[in-house]
Protein backbone atom coordinates (compact mmCIF):
# COMPACT_ATOMS: atom_id res chain seq x y z
CA MET A 1 25.91 1.07 0.45
CA ALA A 2 24.51 3.74 2.69
CA LEU A 3 22.04 2.94 5.47
CA SER A 4 19.33 5.04 3.85
CA GLU A 5 19.70 3.06 0.62
CA VAL A 6 19.37 -0.23 2.49
CA LEU A 7 16.27 1.02 4.30
CA GLU A 8 14.81 2.27 1.03
CA THR A 9 15.30 -1.05 -0.77
CA ARG A 10 13.89 -2.93 2.21
CA HIS A 11 10.89 -0.58 2.17
CA TRP A 12 10.29 -1.22 -1.54
CA LYS A 13 10.67 -4.98 -1.07
CA SER A 14 8.10 -5.04 1.73
CA LEU A 15 5.81 -2.78 -0.35
CA GLY A 16 6.09 -5.19 -3.26
CA LEU A 17 5.32 -8.17 -1.04
CA LEU A 18 2.34 -6.32 0.38
CA LEU A 19 1.01 -5.57 -3.11
CA MET A 20 1.55 -9.17 -4.18
CA GLY A 21 -0.30 -10.41 -1.11
CA TRP A 22 -3.14 -7.96 -1.67
CA GLY A 23 -3.45 -9.07 -5.33
CA LEU A 24 -3.52 -12.71 -4.23
CA ILE A 25 -6.23 -11.99 -1.64
CA LEU A 26 -8.33 -10.11 -4.24
CA ARG A 27 -7.94 -12.95 -6.73
CA LEU A 28 -8.92 -15.56 -4.16
CA SER A 29 -11.94 -13.54 -3.05
CA SER A 30 -13.11 -13.14 -6.64
CA ILE A 31 -12.70 -16.89 -7.21
CA PHE A 32 -14.70 -17.65 -4.05
CA LYS A 33 -17.38 -15.15 -5.06
CA PHE A 34 -17.64 -16.86 -8.44
CA LEU A 35 -17.93 -20.30 -6.85
CA TYR A 36 -20.51 -19.02 -4.38
CA LEU A 37 -22.60 -17.51 -7.19
CA SER A 38 -22.30 -20.61 -9.37
CA LEU A 39 -23.42 -22.83 -6.48
CA PHE A 40 -26.53 -20.80 -5.70
CA ILE A 41 -27.73 -20.03 -9.23
């Protein structure tokens, strides 16, 4: 395996983790927003 291939796969792995984390944060924030609205309505 060439070094560039290793770097590329590592880049895609970190990108995937970043997207997963971002999706999780968005989901959590939407859940909290829903709870917040349901508490105050």
